[in-house]
C-alpha atoms as a PDB file:
ATOM      1  CA  UNK A   1      17.627  -3.668   5.383  1.00  0.00           C
ATOM      2  CA  UNK A   2      14.672  -2.564   3.287  1.00  0.00           C
ATOM      3  CA  UNK A   3      12.708  -4.890   1.027  1.00  0.00           C
ATOM      4  CA  UNK A   4      10.408  -3.790  -1.755  1.00  0.00           C
ATOM      5  CA  UNK A   5       7.620  -5.396  -3.708  1.00  0.00           C
ATOM      6  CA  UNK A   6       6.808  -3.650  -6.957  1.00  0.00           C
ATOM      7  CA  UNK A   7       3.515  -4.338  -8.666  1.00  0.00           C
ATOM      8  CA  UNK A   8       2.530  -2.547 -11.852  1.00  0.00           C
ATOM      9  CA  UNK A   9      -0.976  -1.472 -12.700  1.00  0.00           C
ATOM     10  CA  UNK A  10      -2.542   0.170 -15.745  1.00  0.00           C
ATOM     11  CA  UNK A  11      -4.021   2.765 -13.381  1.00  0.00           C
ATOM     12  CA  UNK A  12      -0.944   3.890 -11.496  1.00  0.00           C
ATOM     13  CA  UNK A  13       2.759   4.087 -12.208  1.00  0.00           C
ATOM     14  CA  UNK A  14       3.717   1.577  -9.532  1.00  0.00           C
ATOM     15  CA  UNK A  15       2.778   0.160  -6.186  1.00  0.00           C
ATOM     16  CA  UNK A  16       5.410  -0.520  -3.595  1.00  0.00           C
ATOM     17  CA  UNK A  17       5.192  -2.369  -0.339  1.00  0.00           C
ATOM     18  CA  UNK A  18       8.211  -1.343   1.711  1.00  0.00           C
ATOM     19  CA  UNK A  19       9.467  -2.940   4.861  1.00  0.00           C
ATOM     20  CA  UNK A  20      12.378  -2.811   7.217  1.00  0.00           C
ATOM     21  CA  UNK A  21      13.856  -5.476   9.435  1.00  0.00           C
ATOM     22  CA  UNK A  22      14.603  -2.855  12.080  1.00  0.00           C
ATOM     23  CA  UNK A  23      12.746  -3.413  15.325  1.00  0.00           C
ATOM     24  CA  UNK A  24      12.447   0.359  15.738  1.00  0.00           C
ATOM     25  CA  UNK A  25      10.042   0.675  12.824  1.00  0.00           C
ATOM     26  CA  UNK A  26       6.623  -0.486  13.926  1.00  0.00           C
ATOM     27  CA  UNK A  27       3.981  -0.039  11.291  1.00  0.00           C
ATOM     28  CA  UNK A  28       0.643  -1.460  10.310  1.00  0.00           C
ATOM     29  CA  UNK A  29       0.707  -3.466   7.079  1.00  0.00           C
ATOM     30  CA  UNK A  30       0.505  -0.914   4.272  1.00  0.00           C
ATOM     31  CA  UNK A  31       1.464  -0.078   0.706  1.00  0.00           C
ATOM     32  CA  UNK A  32       2.590   3.097  -0.982  1.00  0.00           C
ATOM     33  CA  UNK A  33       1.212   3.817  -4.435  1.00  0.00           C
ATOM     34  CA  UNK A  34       3.228   6.142  -6.649  1.00  0.00           C
ATOM     35  CA  UNK A  35       2.039   7.926  -9.762  1.00  0.00           C
ATOM     36  CA  UNK A  36       1.775  11.687 -10.249  1.00  0.00           C
ATOM     37  CA  UNK A  37       1.832  11.795  -6.458  1.00  0.00           C
ATOM     38  CA  UNK A  38       1.661   9.142  -3.815  1.00  0.00           C
ATOM     39  CA  UNK A  39      -0.713   7.561  -1.325  1.00  0.00           C
ATOM     40  CA  UNK A  40      -0.288   5.354   1.701  1.00  0.00           C
ATOM     41  CA  UNK A  41      -2.978   2.716   2.240  1.00  0.00           C
ATOM     42  CA  UNK A  42      -3.228   0.475   5.284  1.00  0.00           C
ATOM     43  CA  UNK A  43      -3.917  -3.096   4.187  1.00  0.00           C
ATOM     44  CA  UNK A  44      -6.274  -3.606   7.130  1.00  0.00           C
ATOM     45  CA  UNK A  45      -8.642  -0.783   7.968  1.00  0.00           C
ATOM     46  CA  UNK A  46      -9.491   0.445  11.456  1.00  0.00           C
ATOM     47  CA  UNK A  47     -12.503  -1.863  11.535  1.00  0.00           C
ATOM     48  CA  UNK A  48     -10.247  -4.859  10.836  1.00  0.00           C
ATOM     49  CA  UNK A  49     -11.572  -5.246   7.300  1.00  0.00           C
ATOM     50  CA  UNK A  50     -11.137  -3.367   4.037  1.00  0.00           C
ATOM     51  CA  UNK A  51      -7.977  -1.348   3.327  1.00  0.00           C
ATOM     52  CA  UNK A  52      -8.092   2.314   4.314  1.00  0.00           C
ATOM     53  CA  UNK A  53      -6.423   5.438   3.012  1.00  0.00           C
ATOM     54  CA  UNK A  54      -3.879   6.939   5.413  1.00  0.00           C
ATOM     55  CA  UNK A  55      -2.805   9.941   3.331  1.00  0.00           C
ATOM     56  CA  UNK A  56      -2.516  11.196  -0.232  1.00  0.00           C
ATOM     57  CA  UNK A  57      -0.116  13.757  -1.722  1.00  0.00           C
ATOM     58  CA  UNK A  58      -0.154  15.176  -5.201  1.00  0.00           C
ATOM     59  CA  UNK A  59      -2.438  12.633  -6.897  1.00  0.00           C
ATOM     60  CA  UNK A  60      -4.572  14.080  -9.682  1.00  0.00           C
ATOM     61  CA  UNK A  61      -8.030  14.453  -8.250  1.00  0.00           C
ATOM     62  CA  UNK A  62      -9.965  11.874  -6.320  1.00  0.00           C
ATOM     63  CA  UNK A  63     -10.231   9.376  -9.166  1.00  0.00           C
ATOM     64  CA  UNK A  64      -6.590   8.264  -8.943  1.00  0.00           C
ATOM     65  CA  UNK A  65      -6.844   7.898  -5.184  1.00  0.00           C
ATOM     66  CA  UNK A  66     -10.084   5.898  -5.464  1.00  0.00           C
ATOM     67  CA  UNK A  67      -8.520   3.651  -8.124  1.00  0.00           C
ATOM     68  CA  UNK A  68      -5.478   3.039  -5.938  1.00  0.00           C
ATOM     69  CA  UNK A  69      -7.652   2.102  -2.954  1.00  0.00           C
ATOM     70  CA  UNK A  70      -9.777  -0.191  -5.156  1.00  0.00           C
ATOM     71  CA  UNK A  71      -6.721  -1.982  -6.568  1.00  0.00           C
ATOM     72  CA  UNK A  72      -5.315  -2.485  -3.076  1.00  0.00           C
ATOM     73  CA  UNK A  73      -8.702  -3.762  -1.899  1.00  0.00           C
ATOM     74  CA  UNK A  74      -8.854  -6.196  -4.855  1.00  0.00           C
ATOM     75  CA  UNK A  75      -5.336  -7.450  -4.084  1.00  0.00           C
ATOM     76  CA  UNK A  76      -5.558  -7.221  -0.286  1.00  0.00           C
ATOM     77  CA  UNK A  77      -4.844 -10.889   0.406  1.00  0.00           C
ATOM     78  CA  UNK A  78      -1.826 -10.981  -1.917  1.00  0.00           C
ATOM     79  CA  UNK A  79      -0.373  -7.853  -0.326  1.00  0.00           C
ATOM     80  CA  UNK A  80      -0.988  -9.201   3.184  1.00  0.00           C
ATOM     81  CA  UNK A  81       0.625 -12.536   2.308  1.00  0.00           C
ATOM     82  CA  UNK A  82       3.720 -10.781   1.004  1.00  0.00           C
ATOM     83  CA  UNK A  83       3.814  -8.462   4.034  1.00  0.00           C
ATOM     84  CA  UNK A  84       3.798 -11.539   6.288  1.00  0.00           C
ATOM     85  CA  UNK A  85       6.607 -13.157   4.262  1.00  0.00           C
ATOM     86  CA  UNK A  86       8.735 -10.075   4.849  1.00  0.00           C
ATOM     87  CA  UNK A  87       7.819  -9.462   8.502  1.00  0.00           C
ATOM     88  CA  UNK A  88       7.259 -12.994   9.657  1.00  0.00           C
END
């Protein structure tokens, strides 16, 4: 089963945090941001702190990507709380 959180932002079309209850899918806490393209952002960076960009496809220039990362950073705790509700 897949669960989704959709959060809307004036800077991007939508943000989605997707999860699966399947034990075969092991993933770091992350969100996908969709607009003209999409990005995947880990909610906890490699240093254990700020969110970090995993990949970006088709976003218009670097500004949209930077905005997406900034929004996720600003909402990091809310996203992590919801991730934990879904994954336990």
